[in-house]
């Protein structure tokens, strides 16, 4: 009887320990950033669209190299251009501190 209780207690401790460690790993905090990508009218201009597309790729690749991940891309209407695109980005806070430490 005592062995069964000890085994059950040990199993319960293992399960609780596993759940606590899984919960601690799941609790990731993020920082967020909004990046201007450009306007739809420039992307639609046949003479400039390829150049502008490469500029947008460079912006996203640069931010990605610093640990930023695109969460959403959205357009905002302005008086000058009906559709200016922005990217909402996030990265884990721990990664942000590591990127700041790099020269």
Foldseek 3Di string as FASTA:
>chain_A
DVVVVVVVVVVVVVVVVVVVVVVVVVPFDKDKDKAWLFAPVQCPPPVRNVVSVVSSVVVVVVVVVLAKDFPDKAFDQDPVGGTTIMTMIMGTPVSNVVSVPDD
